[in-house]
Amino acid sequence: MGKKSRRPNRNKQKNTAPKSANNNWWTGGAVYEGEYKDGKRNGNGKCTFASGAVYEGEYKYGNRNGNGKYTSANGAVYEGDFKDDERNGNGKLNYANGEVYEGEFKDDKMHGTGKYTFASGEVYEGDFKDDNMNGTGKFTNANGDVYEGVYKDGESSGNNKYT
């Protein structure tokens, strides 16, 4: 069979509101309600950004650290682990268009093992690197056709098994 190429929707759900110099408050009209320690957000809290985005979860040293839920202004929702204000660890990202990624994140990107379900019904299960299908994986088309093999930078690479 021919080369199968499909890239996940990689719209970032990262907060873009700038921090103030003292890392205590978000500038631009954001409101934080929650726990503090030594003048910084620490423990459980909720931050509502001027854009309409909302983060509710754990903070440590003024940053999102631990488990939390981030709802972007466009309706995408991420629930999972954060480290230093970025998605890191395990989580689930539901895009506003119906696409879903569930798996590992590193440095705010899909990275590690995961499952990406496209709005069309297609599904990729396998390895990701830097927001792309990268490594061993299985791609299932909406009609049930399955491609198994190696992917690099979002595209099939080498001899994939087609069933």
Protein backbone atom coordinates (compact mmCIF):
# COMPACT_ATOMS: atom_id res chain seq x y z
CA MET A 1 0.00 0.00 0.00
CA GLY A 2 1.00 3.61 -0.37
CA LYS A 3 2.44 5.88 2.20
CA LYS A 4 -0.02 6.88 4.95
CA SER A 5 0.40 10.47 6.10
CA ARG A 6 -1.67 12.18 8.74
CA ARG A 7 -0.65 14.77 11.30
CA PRO A 8 -2.56 15.50 14.49
CA ASN A 9 -4.07 18.92 15.07
CA ARG A 10 -1.25 20.63 16.93
CA ASN A 11 -2.93 23.84 18.05
CA LYS A 12 -1.29 24.82 21.31
CA GLN A 13 -3.44 25.05 24.39
CA LYS A 14 -0.70 26.79 26.35
CA ASN A 15 -1.47 29.89 28.34
CA THR A 16 -0.12 32.97 26.60
CA ALA A 17 -0.88 35.52 29.30
CA PRO A 18 2.38 37.14 30.45
CA LYS A 19 3.43 36.85 34.09
CA SER A 20 4.26 39.88 36.12
CA ALA A 21 7.84 40.38 37.23
CA ASN A 22 7.18 39.05 40.73
CA ASN A 23 5.46 35.89 39.39
CA ASN A 24 2.57 36.49 41.81
CA TRP A 25 -0.14 37.83 39.55
CA TRP A 26 -1.05 37.35 35.95
CA THR A 27 -1.13 40.63 34.07
CA GLY A 28 -3.82 41.53 31.58
CA GLY A 29 -6.84 41.22 33.85
CA ALA A 30 -6.48 37.63 35.07
CA VAL A 31 -7.98 36.72 38.43
CA TYR A 32 -6.45 34.12 40.77
CA GLU A 33 -8.32 32.60 43.70
CA GLY A 34 -6.49 30.11 45.85
CA GLU A 35 -3.70 29.31 48.24
CA TYR A 36 -0.42 31.18 48.64
CA LYS A 37 2.90 30.42 50.29
CA ASP A 38 5.70 32.96 50.64
CA GLY A 39 3.75 35.37 48.43
CA LYS A 40 3.41 32.91 45.52
CA ARG A 41 0.57 30.74 44.27
CA ASN A 42 1.03 27.44 46.08
CA GLY A 43 -1.47 24.63 46.64
CA ASN A 44 -4.88 24.54 44.98
CA GLY A 45 -6.17 27.48 43.01
CA LYS A 46 -8.14 28.78 40.09
CA CYS A 47 -6.97 31.37 37.57
CA THR A 48 -9.40 32.94 35.13
CA PHE A 49 -7.64 34.75 32.30
CA ALA A 50 -8.93 37.83 30.49
CA SER A 51 -9.17 35.72 27.31
CA GLY A 52 -11.76 33.48 29.00
CA ALA A 53 -9.34 30.59 29.55
CA VAL A 54 -9.44 28.96 32.99
CA TYR A 55 -6.93 26.85 34.91
CA GLU A 56 -7.99 25.03 38.05
CA GLY A 57 -5.58 22.82 39.90
CA GLU A 58 -2.30 22.62 41.74
CA TYR A 59 0.35 25.32 41.95
CA LYS A 60 3.87 25.17 43.33
CA TYR A 61 6.31 28.10 43.51
CA GLY A 62 3.86 30.28 41.54
CA ASN A 63 3.56 27.92 38.55
CA ARG A 64 1.10 25.25 37.49
CA ASN A 65 2.64 22.10 38.96
CA GLY A 66 0.80 18.86 39.63
CA ASN A 67 -2.65 17.87 38.45
CA GLY A 68 -4.96 20.41 36.87
CA LYS A 69 -7.52 21.30 34.26
CA TYR A 70 -6.96 24.00 31.64
CA THR A 71 -9.88 25.14 29.47
CA SER A 72 -8.78 27.38 26.62
CA ALA A 73 -10.82 30.27 25.29
CA ASN A 74 -11.58 28.23 22.14
CA GLY A 75 -13.12 25.40 24.18
CA ALA A 76 -10.26 22.89 24.15
CA VAL A 77 -9.80 21.16 27.51
CA TYR A 78 -6.65 19.56 28.94
CA GLU A 79 -6.82 17.52 32.13
CA GLY A 80 -3.64 16.05 33.52
CA ASP A 81 -0.16 16.72 34.81
CA PHE A 82 1.66 20.05 34.69
CA LYS A 83 5.25 20.95 35.48
CA ASP A 84 6.56 24.52 35.44
CA ASP A 85 3.43 25.84 33.66
CA GLU A 86 3.59 23.24 30.85
CA ARG A 87 1.84 19.95 30.15
CA ASN A 88 4.24 17.28 31.40
CA GLY A 89 3.33 13.70 32.31
CA ASN A 90 0.02 12.02 31.56
CA GLY A 91 -3.05 13.83 30.37
CA LYS A 92 -6.02 14.06 28.07
CA LEU A 93 -6.55 16.89 25.59
CA ASN A 94 -10.01 17.33 24.06
CA TYR A 95 -9.89 19.75 21.14
CA ALA A 96 -12.89 21.92 20.34
CA ASN A 97 -13.19 20.22 16.92
CA GLY A 98 -13.79 16.81 18.56
CA GLU A 99 -10.27 15.42 18.23
CA VAL A 100 -8.80 13.82 21.36
CA TYR A 101 -5.27 12.96 22.48
CA GLU A 102 -4.72 10.86 25.57
CA GLY A 103 -1.23 9.95 26.64
CA GLU A 104 2.12 11.37 27.62
CA PHE A 105 3.27 14.98 27.32
CA LYS A 106 6.73 16.50 27.61
CA ASP A 107 7.54 20.22 27.47
CA ASP A 108 3.94 21.06 26.50
CA LYS A 109 3.95 18.64 23.51
CA MET A 110 2.58 15.18 22.79
CA HIS A 111 5.62 13.07 23.56
CA GLY A 112 5.79 9.39 24.55
CA THR A 113 3.03 6.82 24.20
CA GLY A 114 -0.47 7.95 23.37
CA LYS A 115 -3.69 7.64 21.42
CA TYR A 116 -4.94 10.32 19.03
CA THR A 117 -8.53 10.13 17.79
CA PHE A 118 -9.30 12.33 14.80
CA ALA A 119 -12.70 13.96 14.27
CA SER A 120 -13.06 11.75 11.16
CA GLY A 121 -12.94 8.62 13.32
CA GLU A 122 -9.38 7.67 12.40
CA VAL A 123 -7.19 6.59 15.32
CA TYR A 124 -3.43 6.49 15.84
CA GLU A 125 -2.05 4.56 18.81
CA GLY A 126 1.67 4.53 19.42
CA ASP A 127 4.69 6.71 19.94
CA PHE A 128 4.79 10.50 19.68
CA LYS A 129 7.67 12.94 19.67
CA ASP A 130 7.40 16.74 19.60
CA ASP A 131 3.67 16.69 18.69
CA ASN A 132 4.12 14.19 15.82
CA MET A 133 3.51 10.49 15.33
CA ASN A 134 7.07 9.27 15.71
CA GLY A 135 8.13 5.67 16.39
CA THR A 136 6.11 2.47 16.35
CA GLY A 137 2.38 2.80 15.97
CA LYS A 138 -0.91 1.61 14.58
CA PHE A 139 -3.12 3.82 12.42
CA THR A 140 -6.73 2.74 11.95
CA ASN A 141 -8.79 4.38 9.21
CA ALA A 142 -12.47 5.14 9.75
CA ASN A 143 -13.32 2.22 7.42
CA GLY A 144 -11.35 -0.21 9.63
CA ASP A 145 -8.20 -0.52 7.49
CA VAL A 146 -5.13 -0.78 9.72
CA TYR A 147 -1.54 0.31 9.08
CA GLU A 148 1.07 -0.87 11.57
CA GLY A 149 4.70 0.12 11.49
CA VAL A 150 7.14 2.93 11.99
CA TYR A 151 6.28 6.62 11.73
CA LYS A 152 8.65 9.57 11.50
CA ASP A 153 7.65 13.23 11.79
CA GLY A 154 3.97 12.37 11.32
CA GLU A 155 4.36 10.13 8.26
CA SER A 156 4.73 6.40 7.75
CA SER A 157 8.32 5.36 7.28
CA GLY A 158 9.57 2.07 5.86
CA ASN A 159 7.51 -1.04 5.38
CA ASN A 160 4.24 -0.87 7.23
CA LYS A 161 1.91 -3.80 7.64
CA TYR A 162 -1.52 -3.20 6.12
CA THR A 163 -4.56 -5.27 7.14
